[in-house]
Amino acid sequence: MSARVPPEFKSQTPDRLRRYAQQHSGELASDVQQALLNAANEIEGSEEAFAVVVDEKRDLMRKLANTESNLRGAYDMIARRKA
């Protein structure tokens, strides 16, 4: 499943961190610059992982609704046979 975070819900922080790391590359120690880039990647990864969870929940809710509908139909069939 390839979930995408809608642009209106995406954090602006990763872009800011990358821009800061690039603009101040001469002033920052390489490990600090790499930490900023890693943090940006982790934020984006977390957003994408959450989007997957949201999509999976939506899919499970749909399946649950179908299962409940099928169960009600089965109960109705059983009730009609007994009547």
N, C-alpha and C. Protein backbone atom coordinates (compact mmCIF):
# COMPACT_ATOMS: atom_id res chain seq x y z
N MET A 1 0.85 -1.17 0.00
CA MET A 1 0.00 0.00 0.00
C MET A 1 0.90 1.23 0.00
N SER A 2 0.61 2.14 -0.89
CA SER A 2 1.46 3.32 -1.01
C SER A 2 0.65 4.54 -0.59
N ALA A 3 0.71 4.86 0.65
CA ALA A 3 -0.04 6.00 1.18
C ALA A 3 0.76 7.28 1.01
N ARG A 4 0.08 8.29 0.58
CA ARG A 4 0.70 9.60 0.44
C ARG A 4 0.04 10.56 1.43
N VAL A 5 0.86 11.39 2.00
CA VAL A 5 0.34 12.40 2.93
C VAL A 5 -0.15 13.57 2.08
N PRO A 6 -1.43 13.95 2.23
CA PRO A 6 -1.92 15.10 1.47
C PRO A 6 -1.08 16.34 1.79
N PRO A 7 -0.82 17.16 0.79
CA PRO A 7 0.05 18.34 1.00
C PRO A 7 -0.38 19.23 2.15
N GLU A 8 -1.68 19.34 2.37
CA GLU A 8 -2.15 20.23 3.44
C GLU A 8 -1.83 19.69 4.83
N PHE A 9 -1.47 18.40 4.91
CA PHE A 9 -1.15 17.81 6.20
C PHE A 9 0.35 17.54 6.37
N LYS A 10 1.12 17.81 5.35
CA LYS A 10 2.56 17.57 5.44
C LYS A 10 3.23 18.63 6.29
N SER A 11 4.17 18.19 7.09
CA SER A 11 4.94 19.12 7.92
C SER A 11 5.91 19.90 7.03
N GLN A 12 6.07 21.16 7.34
CA GLN A 12 7.03 21.99 6.61
C GLN A 12 8.43 21.86 7.21
N THR A 13 8.53 21.23 8.36
CA THR A 13 9.79 21.13 9.09
C THR A 13 10.89 20.42 8.29
N PRO A 14 10.62 19.29 7.63
CA PRO A 14 11.72 18.65 6.90
C PRO A 14 12.38 19.56 5.86
N ASP A 15 11.57 20.28 5.11
CA ASP A 15 12.13 21.21 4.12
C ASP A 15 12.96 22.30 4.79
N ARG A 16 12.45 22.80 5.91
CA ARG A 16 13.19 23.84 6.64
C ARG A 16 14.52 23.30 7.16
N LEU A 17 14.50 22.08 7.69
CA LEU A 17 15.74 21.49 8.20
C LEU A 17 16.75 21.29 7.07
N ARG A 18 16.29 20.80 5.94
CA ARG A 18 17.19 20.60 4.79
C ARG A 18 17.75 21.94 4.29
N ARG A 19 16.87 22.92 4.20
CA ARG A 19 17.31 24.24 3.73
C ARG A 19 18.33 24.83 4.71
N TYR A 20 18.07 24.70 5.99
CA TYR A 20 19.00 25.21 7.00
C TYR A 20 20.35 24.50 6.90
N ALA A 21 20.30 23.18 6.77
CA ALA A 21 21.54 22.39 6.66
C ALA A 21 22.33 22.80 5.44
N GLN A 22 21.62 23.07 4.34
CA GLN A 22 22.31 23.47 3.10
C GLN A 22 22.85 24.90 3.19
N GLN A 23 22.04 25.81 3.69
CA GLN A 23 22.45 27.21 3.76
C GLN A 23 23.61 27.43 4.72
N HIS A 24 23.69 26.62 5.77
CA HIS A 24 24.71 26.80 6.79
C HIS A 24 25.74 25.67 6.78
N SER A 25 25.88 25.03 5.63
CA SER A 25 26.78 23.88 5.56
C SER A 25 28.22 24.24 5.92
N GLY A 26 28.65 25.45 5.59
CA GLY A 26 30.00 25.86 5.93
C GLY A 26 30.20 26.16 7.41
N GLU A 27 29.12 26.46 8.10
CA GLU A 27 29.19 26.82 9.51
C GLU A 27 28.94 25.64 10.44
N LEU A 28 28.24 24.63 9.95
CA LEU A 28 27.85 23.50 10.80
C LEU A 28 28.87 22.36 10.70
N ALA A 29 29.07 21.71 11.81
CA ALA A 29 29.90 20.50 11.78
C ALA A 29 29.17 19.47 10.93
N SER A 30 29.92 18.60 10.27
CA SER A 30 29.30 17.63 9.36
C SER A 30 28.32 16.70 10.08
N ASP A 31 28.64 16.36 11.34
CA ASP A 31 27.71 15.49 12.06
C ASP A 31 26.41 16.21 12.41
N VAL A 32 26.48 17.51 12.65
CA VAL A 32 25.27 18.30 12.93
C VAL A 32 24.45 18.43 11.66
N GLN A 33 25.12 18.70 10.56
CA GLN A 33 24.42 18.80 9.28
C GLN A 33 23.73 17.47 8.95
N GLN A 34 24.43 16.37 9.16
CA GLN A 34 23.84 15.06 8.89
C GLN A 34 22.68 14.77 9.84
N ALA A 35 22.79 15.21 11.08
CA ALA A 35 21.70 15.01 12.04
C ALA A 35 20.44 15.76 11.59
N LEU A 36 20.62 16.97 11.05
CA LEU A 36 19.48 17.73 10.54
C LEU A 36 18.81 17.00 9.38
N LEU A 37 19.62 16.48 8.47
CA LEU A 37 19.09 15.75 7.32
C LEU A 37 18.40 14.46 7.77
N ASN A 38 19.00 13.78 8.73
CA ASN A 38 18.38 12.55 9.26
C ASN A 38 17.05 12.86 9.92
N ALA A 39 17.00 13.94 10.68
CA ALA A 39 15.75 14.33 11.35
C ALA A 39 14.66 14.62 10.31
N ALA A 40 15.04 15.30 9.24
CA ALA A 40 14.07 15.60 8.17
C ALA A 40 13.53 14.31 7.58
N ASN A 41 14.41 13.35 7.33
CA ASN A 41 13.98 12.06 6.77
C ASN A 41 13.09 11.30 7.74
N GLU A 42 13.41 11.35 9.02
CA GLU A 42 12.60 10.65 10.02
C GLU A 42 11.21 11.25 10.13
N ILE A 43 11.11 12.56 10.06
CA ILE A 43 9.79 13.22 10.12
C ILE A 43 8.95 12.77 8.93
N GLU A 44 9.55 12.80 7.74
CA GLU A 44 8.80 12.39 6.55
C GLU A 44 8.42 10.91 6.63
N GLY A 45 9.34 10.09 7.11
CA GLY A 45 9.05 8.67 7.26
C GLY A 45 7.90 8.42 8.23
N SER A 46 7.88 9.18 9.31
CA SER A 46 6.80 9.05 10.29
C SER A 46 5.46 9.46 9.68
N GLU A 47 5.46 10.52 8.90
CA GLU A 47 4.23 10.96 8.25
C GLU A 47 3.71 9.90 7.30
N GLU A 48 4.62 9.31 6.51
CA GLU A 48 4.21 8.29 5.55
C GLU A 48 3.72 7.03 6.27
N ALA A 49 4.38 6.66 7.35
CA ALA A 49 3.95 5.49 8.12
C ALA A 49 2.56 5.73 8.71
N PHE A 50 2.33 6.93 9.21
CA PHE A 50 1.02 7.25 9.77
C PHE A 50 -0.06 7.21 8.68
N ALA A 51 0.29 7.71 7.49
CA ALA A 51 -0.66 7.68 6.38
C ALA A 51 -1.03 6.24 6.03
N VAL A 52 -0.06 5.33 6.09
CA VAL A 52 -0.34 3.91 5.84
C VAL A 52 -1.30 3.37 6.89
N VAL A 53 -1.05 3.71 8.15
CA VAL A 53 -1.93 3.25 9.24
C VAL A 53 -3.35 3.78 9.02
N VAL A 54 -3.47 5.04 8.64
CA VAL A 54 -4.79 5.63 8.40
C VAL A 54 -5.49 4.90 7.25
N ASP A 55 -4.76 4.62 6.16
CA ASP A 55 -5.35 3.90 5.03
C ASP A 55 -5.77 2.49 5.43
N GLU A 56 -4.94 1.82 6.21
CA GLU A 56 -5.28 0.47 6.66
C GLU A 56 -6.50 0.48 7.56
N LYS A 57 -6.58 1.48 8.44
CA LYS A 57 -7.76 1.58 9.31
C LYS A 57 -9.01 1.80 8.47
N ARG A 58 -8.92 2.67 7.49
CA ARG A 58 -10.06 2.94 6.61
C ARG A 58 -10.51 1.65 5.91
N ASP A 59 -9.54 0.87 5.43
CA ASP A 59 -9.84 -0.39 4.76
C ASP A 59 -10.48 -1.38 5.73
N LEU A 60 -9.94 -1.46 6.94
CA LEU A 60 -10.51 -2.37 7.94
C LEU A 60 -11.93 -1.96 8.34
N MET A 61 -12.16 -0.66 8.44
CA MET A 61 -13.50 -0.18 8.78
C MET A 61 -14.50 -0.56 7.67
N ARG A 62 -14.07 -0.46 6.43
CA ARG A 62 -14.92 -0.85 5.30
C ARG A 62 -15.22 -2.34 5.37
N LYS A 63 -14.19 -3.15 5.63
CA LYS A 63 -14.38 -4.59 5.73
C LYS A 63 -15.29 -4.94 6.91
N LEU A 64 -15.14 -4.25 8.01
CA LEU A 64 -16.00 -4.47 9.17
C LEU A 64 -17.45 -4.16 8.82
N ALA A 65 -17.67 -3.06 8.14
CA ALA A 65 -19.04 -2.69 7.74
C ALA A 65 -19.64 -3.77 6.84
N ASN A 66 -18.84 -4.29 5.90
CA ASN A 66 -19.33 -5.36 5.03
C ASN A 66 -19.63 -6.63 5.83
N THR A 67 -18.77 -6.95 6.78
CA THR A 67 -18.98 -8.14 7.61
C THR A 67 -20.24 -8.00 8.44
N GLU A 68 -20.44 -6.81 9.03
CA GLU A 68 -21.65 -6.58 9.81
C GLU A 68 -22.90 -6.70 8.95
N SER A 69 -22.82 -6.17 7.74
CA SER A 69 -23.95 -6.25 6.81
C SER A 69 -24.24 -7.71 6.45
N ASN A 70 -23.19 -8.47 6.18
CA ASN A 70 -23.36 -9.89 5.86
C ASN A 70 -23.95 -10.65 7.04
N LEU A 71 -23.50 -10.32 8.24
CA LEU A 71 -24.02 -10.99 9.43
C LEU A 71 -25.50 -10.68 9.63
N ARG A 72 -25.88 -9.42 9.45
CA ARG A 72 -27.30 -9.06 9.55
C ARG A 72 -28.11 -9.82 8.51
N GLY A 73 -27.57 -9.92 7.30
CA GLY A 73 -28.25 -10.68 6.25
C GLY A 73 -28.41 -12.14 6.62
N ALA A 74 -27.37 -12.72 7.19
CA ALA A 74 -27.44 -14.13 7.61
C ALA A 74 -28.48 -14.30 8.71
N TYR A 75 -28.49 -13.39 9.68
CA TYR A 75 -29.51 -13.47 10.75
C TYR A 75 -30.92 -13.36 10.16
N ASP A 76 -31.09 -12.48 9.19
CA ASP A 76 -32.41 -12.32 8.57
C ASP A 76 -32.83 -13.59 7.84
N MET A 77 -31.89 -14.23 7.16
CA MET A 77 -32.18 -15.49 6.45
C MET A 77 -32.59 -16.57 7.45
N ILE A 78 -31.87 -16.66 8.56
CA ILE A 78 -32.19 -17.66 9.57
C ILE A 78 -33.56 -17.39 10.16
N ALA A 79 -33.85 -16.13 10.43
CA ALA A 79 -35.16 -15.77 11.01
C ALA A 79 -36.29 -16.10 10.04
N ARG A 80 -36.09 -15.87 8.75
CA ARG A 80 -37.12 -16.18 7.75
C ARG A 80 -37.35 -17.69 7.65
N ARG A 81 -36.30 -18.47 7.76
CA ARG A 81 -36.45 -19.93 7.68
C ARG A 81 -37.21 -20.48 8.88
N LYS A 82 -36.99 -19.86 10.03
CA LYS A 82 -37.68 -20.32 11.25
C LYS A 82 -39.14 -19.93 11.23
N ALA A 83 -39.46 -18.87 10.51
CA ALA A 83 -40.84 -18.35 10.51
C ALA A 83 -41.76 -19.15 9.60
